[in-house]
N, C-alpha and C. Protein backbone atom coordinates (compact mmCIF):
# COMPACT_ATOMS: atom_id res chain seq x y z
N ARG A 1 77.37 102.42 122.73
CA ARG A 1 78.15 102.48 123.74
C ARG A 1 79.12 103.48 123.93
N ASP A 2 79.28 104.20 124.88
CA ASP A 2 80.19 105.21 124.80
C ASP A 2 81.70 104.85 125.49
N ILE A 3 81.64 103.30 125.47
CA ILE A 3 83.10 103.60 125.64
C ILE A 3 84.26 103.46 125.03
N ALA A 4 83.75 102.54 123.74
CA ALA A 4 84.95 102.60 122.51
C ALA A 4 85.00 104.74 122.82
N GLY A 5 84.41 105.84 122.81
CA GLY A 5 84.75 106.94 122.29
C GLY A 5 85.42 107.08 123.57
N ASN A 6 84.78 106.77 124.35
CA ASN A 6 85.62 106.96 126.34
C ASN A 6 87.04 106.82 126.22
N TYR A 7 87.45 105.52 125.83
CA TYR A 7 88.75 104.84 125.64
C TYR A 7 89.90 105.27 124.48
N THR A 8 89.22 105.90 123.28
CA THR A 8 90.03 106.91 122.60
C THR A 8 90.66 108.39 123.61
N MET A 9 89.13 108.93 123.59
CA MET A 9 89.40 110.26 123.95
C MET A 9 90.75 109.93 124.95
N ARG A 10 90.72 109.04 126.08
CA ARG A 10 91.61 108.69 127.17
C ARG A 10 92.63 108.81 126.73
N SER A 11 92.60 107.74 126.00
CA SER A 11 94.29 107.89 124.80
C SER A 11 94.87 108.96 124.24
N PHE A 12 94.16 109.57 123.70
CA PHE A 12 94.69 110.89 123.01
C PHE A 12 95.11 111.96 124.10
N PHE A 13 93.99 112.16 125.53
CA PHE A 13 94.56 112.86 127.09
C PHE A 13 96.24 112.36 127.27
N GLN A 14 96.24 110.80 127.12
CA GLN A 14 97.23 110.60 127.52
C GLN A 14 98.24 111.01 127.00
N GLY A 15 97.97 110.64 125.47
CA GLY A 15 99.09 110.90 124.27
C GLY A 15 99.47 112.51 124.67
N VAL A 16 99.01 113.59 124.82
CA VAL A 16 99.13 115.18 124.91
C VAL A 16 100.40 115.17 126.30
N VAL A 17 99.36 114.71 127.50
CA VAL A 17 100.32 114.82 128.69
C VAL A 17 101.74 114.46 128.45
N MET A 18 102.08 113.21 127.83
CA MET A 18 103.11 112.45 127.56
C MET A 18 103.90 113.66 126.74
N LEU A 19 103.35 113.79 125.81
CA LEU A 19 104.03 115.03 124.87
C LEU A 19 104.26 116.14 125.75
N GLN A 20 103.63 116.59 126.55
CA GLN A 20 104.38 117.56 127.72
C GLN A 20 104.97 117.24 128.87
């Protein structure tokens, strides 16, 4: 399933946006 991978990638992307 790509759900776990997608969730991690999404969380990481959100973290980067928050940093900026």
